Amino acid sequence: MRAMRMATLSASDRGGHAKQQQDNFRYVSIQTGEQPLTRYQGKLKCRYGYGRAAETVNQGDAGQDFVAIRMQGNVCHFVLCDGVGMSYLGDFAARFLGSALLEWLETTSSLTAEGVEQFLQSLTGSASEQLEQLQPLDTSPLLLREVLMEKRSQGSQAMYVCGRIELTSGRRKSRVWLAWQGDSRIRLWRNGQEQSEQFQTHCKTNERWSTREGSIGGRPHVFEMKGSGSESFRLQLYTDGLNDLDAIGTYIPDEHIQVLLDAAHTGGLEDDAAFIELEW
């Protein structure tokens, strides 16, 4: 098992860049490395981790998941993306979309279903342009070049979950806004009771974002909630590389999550894994 780091938040982390100041925290995953489970506590509590599939690690490839978290005072923005492996360079779609969504969340005061749908559509032009420049195909063998050009013409795709948690002054109330497409897990506990059914029926594999078409498989799903200061909440997000968590409804200690990220019992992860948990 890799050594765990519960509060080592230097910018030189192998698995991502984390920066911490007073009531100001930012983490962005690096797709070419692992991020052991790490804790941060500000106005909200946070746990996050990242791991690549064993095959990806052995081949020296980039992972296709992406995670970013930003806390500023009483506000937390976050995004978790899962690049679609069968699409062209799914790691690019996850990274591009995740970075763009985090910036949109931080610069948009009023979050709406219409707003996120329009924003996702607006990204297609610049995403397609960057994708075409990312990997020139001129030097590839003819047959391979034709296959790759066909895949590239169909675009790169990623599933996503993104959102904002805002605590009012004095923590008397909280507001939550989430948007998502795809089958990444979204789980919510309110006062210790899980209330995740509302998400499970709307987490579908055929729904995602495409660099060519924007949202496909349907419109983005949106969830909004208000809570009182007397209530406790725990929001957990993870990609399908951590599907062993699906059957566990109780709080999981850090070291147990790290065991799943290491996946020594299966010779490493069978799929890329990204994890975010927020408590307030």
C-alpha atoms as a PDB file:
ATOM      1  CA  MET A   1       0.000   0.000   0.000  1.00  0.00           C
ATOM      2  CA  ARG A   2       1.263   3.465  -0.794  1.00  0.00           C
ATOM      3  CA  ALA A   3       1.907   5.694   2.172  1.00  0.00           C
ATOM      4  CA  MET A   4      -1.144   7.782   2.983  1.00  0.00           C
ATOM      5  CA  ARG A   5      -0.964  11.551   3.242  1.00  0.00           C
ATOM      6  CA  MET A   6      -3.794  13.064   5.261  1.00  0.00           C
ATOM      7  CA  ALA A   7      -2.704  16.690   5.116  1.00  0.00           C
ATOM      8  CA  THR A   8       0.269  17.008   2.802  1.00  0.00           C
ATOM      9  CA  LEU A   9      -1.000  19.727   0.522  1.00  0.00           C
ATOM     10  CA  SER A  10       2.070  20.944  -1.328  1.00  0.00           C
ATOM     11  CA  ALA A  11       1.952  21.942  -4.969  1.00  0.00           C
ATOM     12  CA  SER A  12       4.434  19.193  -5.765  1.00  0.00           C
ATOM     13  CA  ASP A  13       1.998  16.321  -5.140  1.00  0.00           C
ATOM     14  CA  ARG A  14       2.527  13.513  -7.663  1.00  0.00           C
ATOM     15  CA  GLY A  15      -1.190  13.037  -8.193  1.00  0.00           C
ATOM     16  CA  GLY A  16      -2.261  16.654  -8.422  1.00  0.00           C
ATOM     17  CA  HIS A  17      -1.675  20.263  -7.471  1.00  0.00           C
ATOM     18  CA  ALA A  18      -3.055  21.310  -4.074  1.00  0.00           C
ATOM     19  CA  LYS A  19      -2.723  24.799  -2.631  1.00  0.00           C
ATOM     20  CA  GLN A  20      -3.908  25.866   0.796  1.00  0.00           C
ATOM     21  CA  GLN A  21      -4.235  29.248   2.473  1.00  0.00           C
ATOM     22  CA  GLN A  22      -6.511  30.550   5.197  1.00  0.00           C
ATOM     23  CA  ASP A  23     -10.062  29.480   4.157  1.00  0.00           C
ATOM     24  CA  ASN A  24      -8.789  29.066   0.593  1.00  0.00           C
ATOM     25  CA  PHE A  25      -8.024  25.645  -0.891  1.00  0.00           C
ATOM     26  CA  ARG A  26      -7.622  24.337  -4.421  1.00  0.00           C
ATOM     27  CA  TYR A  27      -6.897  20.858  -5.734  1.00  0.00           C
ATOM     28  CA  VAL A  28      -6.553  19.830  -9.398  1.00  0.00           C
ATOM     29  CA  SER A  29      -5.709  16.239 -10.294  1.00  0.00           C
ATOM     30  CA  ILE A  30      -2.825  15.328 -12.574  1.00  0.00           C
ATOM     31  CA  GLN A  31      -3.813  12.534 -14.931  1.00  0.00           C
ATOM     32  CA  THR A  32      -0.314  11.052 -15.093  1.00  0.00           C
ATOM     33  CA  GLY A  33      -0.043  10.237 -11.387  1.00  0.00           C
ATOM     34  CA  GLU A  34      -1.859   8.903  -8.348  1.00  0.00           C
ATOM     35  CA  GLN A  35      -3.277  10.935  -5.466  1.00  0.00           C
ATOM     36  CA  PRO A  36      -3.425   8.982  -2.189  1.00  0.00           C
ATOM     37  CA  LEU A  37      -6.504   9.748  -0.133  1.00  0.00           C
ATOM     38  CA  THR A  38      -6.030  13.195   1.363  1.00  0.00           C
ATOM     39  CA  ARG A  39      -8.015  15.303   3.829  1.00  0.00           C
ATOM     40  CA  TYR A  40      -8.623  19.013   4.011  1.00  0.00           C
ATOM     41  CA  GLN A  41     -10.740  20.869   6.561  1.00  0.00           C
ATOM     42  CA  GLY A  42     -11.894  24.446   6.197  1.00  0.00           C
ATOM     43  CA  LYS A  43     -15.480  25.633   6.523  1.00  0.00           C
ATOM     44  CA  LEU A  44     -16.292  22.257   4.933  1.00  0.00           C
ATOM     45  CA  LYS A  45     -14.513  18.939   5.360  1.00  0.00           C
ATOM     46  CA  CYS A  46     -13.132  17.285   2.250  1.00  0.00           C
ATOM     47  CA  ARG A  47     -11.555  13.961   1.268  1.00  0.00           C
ATOM     48  CA  TYR A  48     -10.239  13.274  -2.223  1.00  0.00           C
ATOM     49  CA  GLY A  49      -8.182  10.696  -4.087  1.00  0.00           C
ATOM     50  CA  TYR A  50      -7.226   9.636  -7.596  1.00  0.00           C
ATOM     51  CA  GLY A  51      -5.885   6.441  -9.127  1.00  0.00           C
ATOM     52  CA  ARG A  52      -5.213   5.109 -12.613  1.00  0.00           C
ATOM     53  CA  ALA A  53      -6.088   1.628 -13.808  1.00  0.00           C
ATOM     54  CA  ALA A  54      -3.233  -0.882 -13.511  1.00  0.00           C
ATOM     55  CA  GLU A  55      -3.043  -1.252 -17.285  1.00  0.00           C
ATOM     56  CA  THR A  56      -2.831   2.523 -17.686  1.00  0.00           C
ATOM     57  CA  VAL A  57      -0.023   2.744 -15.118  1.00  0.00           C
ATOM     58  CA  ASN A  58       1.929  -0.110 -16.741  1.00  0.00           C
ATOM     59  CA  GLN A  59       1.709   1.542 -20.162  1.00  0.00           C
ATOM     60  CA  GLY A  60       2.614   4.972 -18.795  1.00  0.00           C
ATOM     61  CA  ASP A  61      -0.603   6.503 -20.112  1.00  0.00           C
ATOM     62  CA  ALA A  62      -2.711   9.298 -18.686  1.00  0.00           C
ATOM     63  CA  GLY A  63      -5.789   8.461 -16.646  1.00  0.00           C
ATOM     64  CA  GLN A  64      -9.164   9.353 -18.117  1.00  0.00           C
ATOM     65  CA  ASP A  65     -10.680  10.732 -14.901  1.00  0.00           C
ATOM     66  CA  PHE A  66     -10.309  14.316 -13.695  1.00  0.00           C
ATOM     67  CA  VAL A  67     -11.034  15.971 -10.326  1.00  0.00           C
ATOM     68  CA  ALA A  68     -10.906  19.606  -9.208  1.00  0.00           C
ATOM     69  CA  ILE A  69     -12.027  21.246  -5.959  1.00  0.00           C
ATOM     70  CA  ARG A  70     -11.963  24.908  -4.979  1.00  0.00           C
ATOM     71  CA  MET A  71     -12.943  26.295  -1.568  1.00  0.00           C
ATOM     72  CA  GLN A  72     -13.071  30.012  -0.875  1.00  0.00           C
ATOM     73  CA  GLY A  73     -14.471  30.934   2.489  1.00  0.00           C
ATOM     74  CA  ASN A  74     -18.031  29.639   2.746  1.00  0.00           C
ATOM     75  CA  VAL A  75     -18.230  28.465  -0.894  1.00  0.00           C
ATOM     76  CA  CYS A  76     -17.012  25.219  -2.427  1.00  0.00           C
ATOM     77  CA  HIS A  77     -16.982  24.411  -6.149  1.00  0.00           C
ATOM     78  CA  PHE A  78     -16.095  20.967  -7.447  1.00  0.00           C
ATOM     79  CA  VAL A  79     -16.043  18.857 -10.585  1.00  0.00           C
ATOM     80  CA  LEU A  80     -15.488  15.166 -11.289  1.00  0.00           C
ATOM     81  CA  CYS A  81     -15.172  13.906 -14.882  1.00  0.00           C
ATOM     82  CA  ASP A  82     -14.837  10.450 -16.422  1.00  0.00           C
ATOM     83  CA  GLY A  83     -13.497  10.383 -19.979  1.00  0.00           C
ATOM     84  CA  VAL A  84     -15.198   7.872 -22.267  1.00  0.00           C
ATOM     85  CA  GLY A  85     -12.591   5.281 -23.217  1.00  0.00           C
ATOM     86  CA  MET A  86     -14.163   4.351 -26.549  1.00  0.00           C
ATOM     87  CA  SER A  87     -14.106   7.955 -27.726  1.00  0.00           C
ATOM     88  CA  TYR A  88     -11.046   9.732 -29.159  1.00  0.00           C
ATOM     89  CA  LEU A  89      -8.674  10.788 -26.336  1.00  0.00           C
ATOM     90  CA  GLY A  90     -11.216  10.630 -23.520  1.00  0.00           C
ATOM     91  CA  ASP A  91      -8.587  11.969 -21.120  1.00  0.00           C
ATOM     92  CA  PHE A  92      -8.603  15.245 -23.058  1.00  0.00           C
ATOM     93  CA  ALA A  93     -12.394  15.577 -22.815  1.00  0.00           C
ATOM     94  CA  ALA A  94     -12.321  14.960 -19.063  1.00  0.00           C
ATOM     95  CA  ARG A  95      -9.540  17.503 -18.488  1.00  0.00           C
ATOM     96  CA  PHE A  96     -10.919  20.159 -20.843  1.00  0.00           C
ATOM     97  CA  LEU A  97     -14.486  19.854 -19.581  1.00  0.00           C
ATOM     98  CA  GLY A  98     -13.525  19.697 -15.907  1.00  0.00           C
ATOM     99  CA  SER A  99     -11.319  22.790 -16.111  1.00  0.00           C
ATOM    100  CA  ALA A 100     -13.969  24.721 -18.044  1.00  0.00           C
ATOM    101  CA  LEU A 101     -16.784  23.763 -15.670  1.00  0.00           C
ATOM    102  CA  LEU A 102     -14.786  24.771 -12.596  1.00  0.00           C
ATOM    103  CA  GLU A 103     -14.100  28.198 -14.088  1.00  0.00           C
ATOM    104  CA  TRP A 104     -17.752  28.569 -15.093  1.00  0.00           C
ATOM    105  CA  LEU A 105     -18.943  27.690 -11.581  1.00  0.00           C
ATOM    106  CA  GLU A 106     -16.551  30.196 -10.013  1.00  0.00           C
ATOM    107  CA  THR A 107     -17.572  33.048 -12.311  1.00  0.00           C
ATOM    108  CA  THR A 108     -21.347  32.471 -12.528  1.00  0.00           C
ATOM    109  CA  SER A 109     -23.468  33.919  -9.742  1.00  0.00           C
ATOM    110  CA  SER A 110     -26.796  32.310 -10.658  1.00  0.00           C
ATOM    111  CA  LEU A 111     -26.560  28.624 -11.596  1.00  0.00           C
ATOM    112  CA  THR A 112     -29.414  27.232 -13.684  1.00  0.00           C
ATOM    113  CA  ALA A 113     -30.188  24.202 -15.845  1.00  0.00           C
ATOM    114  CA  GLU A 114     -30.468  26.432 -18.907  1.00  0.00           C
ATOM    115  CA  GLY A 115     -27.195  28.136 -18.087  1.00  0.00           C
ATOM    116  CA  VAL A 116     -25.144  24.956 -17.796  1.00  0.00           C
ATOM    117  CA  GLU A 117     -26.692  23.493 -20.953  1.00  0.00           C
ATOM    118  CA  GLN A 118     -25.843  26.607 -22.956  1.00  0.00           C
ATOM    119  CA  PHE A 119     -22.336  26.679 -21.519  1.00  0.00           C
ATOM    120  CA  LEU A 120     -21.694  23.033 -22.434  1.00  0.00           C
ATOM    121  CA  GLN A 121     -22.809  23.727 -25.982  1.00  0.00           C
ATOM    122  CA  SER A 122     -20.582  26.808 -26.211  1.00  0.00           C
ATOM    123  CA  LEU A 123     -17.476  24.742 -25.461  1.00  0.00           C
ATOM    124  CA  THR A 124     -17.641  22.582 -28.581  1.00  0.00           C
ATOM    125  CA  GLY A 125     -15.839  24.988 -30.934  1.00  0.00           C
ATOM    126  CA  SER A 126     -12.731  25.570 -28.825  1.00  0.00           C
ATOM    127  CA  ALA A 127     -12.678  21.936 -27.635  1.00  0.00           C
ATOM    128  CA  SER A 128     -12.764  20.583 -31.202  1.00  0.00           C
ATOM    129  CA  GLU A 129     -10.036  22.989 -32.271  1.00  0.00           C
ATOM    130  CA  GLN A 130      -7.742  21.993 -29.405  1.00  0.00           C
ATOM    131  CA  LEU A 131      -8.458  18.308 -29.963  1.00  0.00           C
ATOM    132  CA  GLU A 132      -7.419  18.524 -33.618  1.00  0.00           C
ATOM    133  CA  GLN A 133      -4.139  20.221 -32.704  1.00  0.00           C
ATOM    134  CA  LEU A 134      -3.401  17.866 -29.834  1.00  0.00           C
ATOM    135  CA  GLN A 135      -2.237  14.829 -31.788  1.00  0.00           C
ATOM    136  CA  PRO A 136      -1.214  15.371 -35.419  1.00  0.00           C
ATOM    137  CA  LEU A 137      -1.888  12.262 -37.500  1.00  0.00           C
ATOM    138  CA  ASP A 138       0.239  13.026 -40.555  1.00  0.00           C
ATOM    139  CA  THR A 139       3.060  10.659 -39.584  1.00  0.00           C
ATOM    140  CA  SER A 140       0.819   7.722 -38.616  1.00  0.00           C
ATOM    141  CA  PRO A 141       0.577   4.662 -40.912  1.00  0.00           C
ATOM    142  CA  LEU A 142      -2.183   5.094 -43.473  1.00  0.00           C
ATOM    143  CA  LEU A 143      -4.597   2.499 -42.053  1.00  0.00           C
ATOM    144  CA  LEU A 144      -4.143   3.690 -38.484  1.00  0.00           C
ATOM    145  CA  ARG A 145      -4.473   7.308 -39.589  1.00  0.00           C
ATOM    146  CA  GLU A 146      -7.817   6.578 -41.239  1.00  0.00           C
ATOM    147  CA  VAL A 147      -9.137   4.882 -38.102  1.00  0.00           C
ATOM    148  CA  LEU A 148      -7.945   7.700 -35.842  1.00  0.00           C
ATOM    149  CA  MET A 149      -9.307  10.386 -38.141  1.00  0.00           C
ATOM    150  CA  GLU A 150     -12.704   8.679 -38.077  1.00  0.00           C
ATOM    151  CA  LYS A 151     -12.663   8.520 -34.280  1.00  0.00           C
ATOM    152  CA  ARG A 152     -11.501  12.132 -34.044  1.00  0.00           C
ATOM    153  CA  SER A 153     -14.321  13.257 -36.334  1.00  0.00           C
ATOM    154  CA  GLN A 154     -16.765  11.815 -33.808  1.00  0.00           C
ATOM    155  CA  GLY A 155     -15.219  13.838 -31.014  1.00  0.00           C
ATOM    156  CA  SER A 156     -13.939  13.181 -27.514  1.00  0.00           C
ATOM    157  CA  GLN A 157     -16.467  12.507 -24.748  1.00  0.00           C
ATOM    158  CA  ALA A 158     -16.694  12.660 -20.970  1.00  0.00           C
ATOM    159  CA  MET A 159     -19.251  12.195 -18.213  1.00  0.00           C
ATOM    160  CA  TYR A 160     -19.306  14.752 -15.425  1.00  0.00           C
ATOM    161  CA  VAL A 161     -20.657  15.850 -12.050  1.00  0.00           C
ATOM    162  CA  CYS A 162     -20.163  19.433 -10.929  1.00  0.00           C
ATOM    163  CA  GLY A 163     -21.607  21.689  -8.284  1.00  0.00           C
ATOM    164  CA  ARG A 164     -21.533  24.392  -5.647  1.00  0.00           C
ATOM    165  CA  ILE A 165     -22.050  24.229  -1.896  1.00  0.00           C
ATOM    166  CA  GLU A 166     -22.566  27.569  -0.186  1.00  0.00           C
ATOM    167  CA  LEU A 167     -22.811  28.156   3.555  1.00  0.00           C
ATOM    168  CA  THR A 168     -24.462  31.356   4.731  1.00  0.00           C
ATOM    169  CA  SER A 169     -22.814  33.568   7.319  1.00  0.00           C
ATOM    170  CA  GLY A 170     -22.691  31.824  10.664  1.00  0.00           C
ATOM    171  CA  ARG A 171     -23.435  28.474   8.960  1.00  0.00           C
ATOM    172  CA  ARG A 172     -27.135  28.911   9.698  1.00  0.00           C
ATOM    173  CA  LYS A 173     -28.132  27.621   6.265  1.00  0.00           C
ATOM    174  CA  SER A 174     -26.609  25.857   3.260  1.00  0.00           C
ATOM    175  CA  ARG A 175     -27.426  25.740  -0.431  1.00  0.00           C
ATOM    176  CA  VAL A 176     -26.402  22.982  -2.838  1.00  0.00           C
ATOM    177  CA  TRP A 177     -26.508  22.973  -6.644  1.00  0.00           C
ATOM    178  CA  LEU A 178     -25.441  19.974  -8.739  1.00  0.00           C
ATOM    179  CA  ALA A 179     -25.412  19.205 -12.463  1.00  0.00           C
ATOM    180  CA  TRP A 180     -24.420  15.941 -14.120  1.00  0.00           C
ATOM    181  CA  GLN A 181     -24.579  13.578 -17.071  1.00  0.00           C
ATOM    182  CA  GLY A 182     -23.368   9.984 -17.026  1.00  0.00           C
ATOM    183  CA  ASP A 183     -23.022   7.145 -14.562  1.00  0.00           C
ATOM    184  CA  SER A 184     -20.579   8.554 -12.006  1.00  0.00           C
ATOM    185  CA  ARG A 185     -21.916   7.954  -8.524  1.00  0.00           C
ATOM    186  CA  ILE A 186     -23.632  10.705  -6.568  1.00  0.00           C
ATOM    187  CA  ARG A 187     -24.516   9.847  -2.974  1.00  0.00           C
ATOM    188  CA  LEU A 188     -25.977  12.142  -0.304  1.00  0.00           C
ATOM    189  CA  TRP A 189     -26.452  11.590   3.417  1.00  0.00           C
ATOM    190  CA  ARG A 190     -28.670  13.955   5.413  1.00  0.00           C
ATOM    191  CA  ASN A 191     -28.418  13.630   9.183  1.00  0.00           C
ATOM    192  CA  GLY A 192     -26.823  10.227   8.695  1.00  0.00           C
ATOM    193  CA  GLN A 193     -29.572   8.880   6.417  1.00  0.00           C
ATOM    194  CA  GLU A 194     -28.727   8.196   2.794  1.00  0.00           C
ATOM    195  CA  GLN A 195     -30.947   9.934   0.232  1.00  0.00           C
ATOM    196  CA  SER A 196     -29.367   8.871  -3.044  1.00  0.00           C
ATOM    197  CA  GLU A 197     -32.322   7.343  -4.883  1.00  0.00           C
ATOM    198  CA  GLN A 198     -33.094  10.640  -6.597  1.00  0.00           C
ATOM    199  CA  PHE A 199     -29.684  10.522  -8.289  1.00  0.00           C
ATOM    200  CA  GLN A 200     -29.502   6.820  -9.121  1.00  0.00           C
ATOM    201  CA  THR A 201     -32.462   6.934 -11.517  1.00  0.00           C
ATOM    202  CA  HIS A 202     -30.823   9.755 -13.484  1.00  0.00           C
ATOM    203  CA  CYS A 203     -27.243   8.439 -13.739  1.00  0.00           C
ATOM    204  CA  LYS A 204     -27.114   6.842 -17.196  1.00  0.00           C
ATOM    205  CA  THR A 205     -24.153   5.584 -19.200  1.00  0.00           C
ATOM    206  CA  ASN A 206     -25.468   6.907 -22.530  1.00  0.00           C
ATOM    207  CA  GLU A 207     -25.555  10.503 -21.242  1.00  0.00           C
ATOM    208  CA  ARG A 208     -22.375  12.551 -21.569  1.00  0.00           C
ATOM    209  CA  TRP A 209     -20.702  15.616 -23.085  1.00  0.00           C
ATOM    210  CA  SER A 210     -19.042  15.578 -26.509  1.00  0.00           C
ATOM    211  CA  THR A 211     -16.489  17.965 -27.969  1.00  0.00           C
ATOM    212  CA  ARG A 212     -18.463  17.818 -31.224  1.00  0.00           C
ATOM    213  CA  GLU A 213     -22.098  17.926 -30.104  1.00  0.00           C
ATOM    214  CA  GLY A 214     -22.189  19.222 -26.545  1.00  0.00           C
ATOM    215  CA  SER A 215     -24.662  17.321 -24.343  1.00  0.00           C
ATOM    216  CA  ILE A 216     -25.728  13.983 -25.807  1.00  0.00           C
ATOM    217  CA  GLY A 217     -28.223  11.418 -24.552  1.00  0.00           C
ATOM    218  CA  GLY A 218     -30.363  14.119 -22.989  1.00  0.00           C
ATOM    219  CA  ARG A 219     -30.110  17.416 -21.155  1.00  0.00           C
ATOM    220  CA  PRO A 220     -28.001  17.947 -18.024  1.00  0.00           C
ATOM    221  CA  HIS A 221     -29.675  16.840 -14.799  1.00  0.00           C
ATOM    222  CA  VAL A 222     -29.819  19.457 -12.051  1.00  0.00           C
ATOM    223  CA  PHE A 223     -30.406  19.089  -8.313  1.00  0.00           C
ATOM    224  CA  GLU A 224     -30.933  21.931  -5.833  1.00  0.00           C
ATOM    225  CA  MET A 225     -31.303  21.741  -2.069  1.00  0.00           C
ATOM    226  CA  LYS A 226     -31.384  24.013   0.966  1.00  0.00           C
ATOM    227  CA  GLY A 227     -30.415  22.899   4.455  1.00  0.00           C
ATOM    228  CA  SER A 228     -30.496  24.361   7.935  1.00  0.00           C
ATOM    229  CA  GLY A 229     -27.492  24.860  10.168  1.00  0.00           C
ATOM    230  CA  SER A 230     -28.772  22.204  12.571  1.00  0.00           C
ATOM    231  CA  GLU A 231     -28.503  19.504   9.901  1.00  0.00           C
ATOM    232  CA  SER A 232     -25.429  17.526   8.841  1.00  0.00           C
ATOM    233  CA  PHE A 233     -24.697  16.558   5.230  1.00  0.00           C
ATOM    234  CA  ARG A 234     -22.221  14.316   3.431  1.00  0.00           C
ATOM    235  CA  LEU A 235     -21.896  14.317  -0.357  1.00  0.00           C
ATOM    236  CA  GLN A 236     -19.858  11.559  -2.006  1.00  0.00           C
ATOM    237  CA  LEU A 237     -18.868  11.432  -5.676  1.00  0.00           C
ATOM    238  CA  TYR A 238     -16.794   8.769  -7.411  1.00  0.00           C
ATOM    239  CA  THR A 239     -16.212   7.166 -10.794  1.00  0.00           C
ATOM    240  CA  ASP A 240     -16.780   3.501 -11.636  1.00  0.00           C
ATOM    241  CA  GLY A 241     -13.247   2.465 -10.736  1.00  0.00           C
ATOM    242  CA  LEU A 242     -14.469   2.586  -7.121  1.00  0.00           C
ATOM    243  CA  ASN A 243     -17.701   0.688  -7.712  1.00  0.00           C
ATOM    244  CA  ASP A 244     -16.908  -1.475  -4.659  1.00  0.00           C
ATOM    245  CA  LEU A 245     -18.242   1.489  -2.660  1.00  0.00           C
ATOM    246  CA  ASP A 246     -21.713   1.040  -4.158  1.00  0.00           C
ATOM    247  CA  ALA A 247     -22.800  -1.513  -1.567  1.00  0.00           C
ATOM    248  CA  ILE A 248     -21.399   0.373   1.445  1.00  0.00           C
ATOM    249  CA  GLY A 249     -23.819   2.791   3.085  1.00  0.00           C
ATOM    250  CA  THR A 250     -21.840   3.547   6.242  1.00  0.00           C
ATOM    251  CA  TYR A 251     -18.978   5.973   6.775  1.00  0.00           C
ATOM    252  CA  ILE A 252     -15.722   4.484   5.458  1.00  0.00           C
ATOM    253  CA  PRO A 253     -12.412   5.218   7.234  1.00  0.00           C
ATOM    254  CA  ASP A 254      -9.618   6.767   5.216  1.00  0.00           C
ATOM    255  CA  GLU A 255      -7.458   3.658   5.245  1.00  0.00           C
ATOM    256  CA  HIS A 256     -10.258   1.515   3.824  1.00  0.00           C
ATOM    257  CA  ILE A 257     -10.784   3.872   0.897  1.00  0.00           C
ATOM    258  CA  GLN A 258      -7.041   3.792   0.302  1.00  0.00           C
ATOM    259  CA  VAL A 259      -7.179  -0.016   0.138  1.00  0.00           C
ATOM    260  CA  LEU A 260      -9.742   0.307  -2.669  1.00  0.00           C
ATOM    261  CA  LEU A 261      -7.591   2.878  -4.477  1.00  0.00           C
ATOM    262  CA  ASP A 262      -4.535   0.617  -4.216  1.00  0.00           C
ATOM    263  CA  ALA A 263      -6.593  -2.452  -5.234  1.00  0.00           C
ATOM    264  CA  ALA A 264      -3.765  -4.809  -4.332  1.00  0.00           C
ATOM    265  CA  HIS A 265      -6.297  -7.650  -4.134  1.00  0.00           C
ATOM    266  CA  THR A 266      -6.858  -7.406  -7.915  1.00  0.00           C
ATOM    267  CA  GLY A 267      -3.342  -6.445  -8.950  1.00  0.00           C
ATOM    268  CA  GLY A 268      -4.310  -2.785  -9.234  1.00  0.00           C
ATOM    269  CA  LEU A 269      -7.411  -0.886 -10.284  1.00  0.00           C
ATOM    270  CA  GLU A 270      -9.371  -2.343 -13.170  1.00  0.00           C
ATOM    271  CA  ASP A 271     -10.550   1.143 -14.168  1.00  0.00           C
ATOM    272  CA  ASP A 272      -9.472   4.687 -13.353  1.00  0.00           C
ATOM    273  CA  ALA A 273     -10.856   5.946 -10.048  1.00  0.00           C
ATOM    274  CA  ALA A 274     -11.611   9.442  -8.776  1.00  0.00           C
ATOM    275  CA  PHE A 275     -13.130  10.246  -5.384  1.00  0.00           C
ATOM    276  CA  ILE A 276     -14.515  13.370  -3.688  1.00  0.00           C
ATOM    277  CA  GLU A 277     -16.353  13.553  -0.372  1.00  0.00           C
ATOM    278  CA  LEU A 278     -17.606  16.777   1.211  1.00  0.00           C
ATOM    279  CA  GLU A 279     -19.129  17.245   4.672  1.00  0.00           C
ATOM    280  CA  TRP A 280     -20.784  20.251   6.267  1.00  0.00           C
END
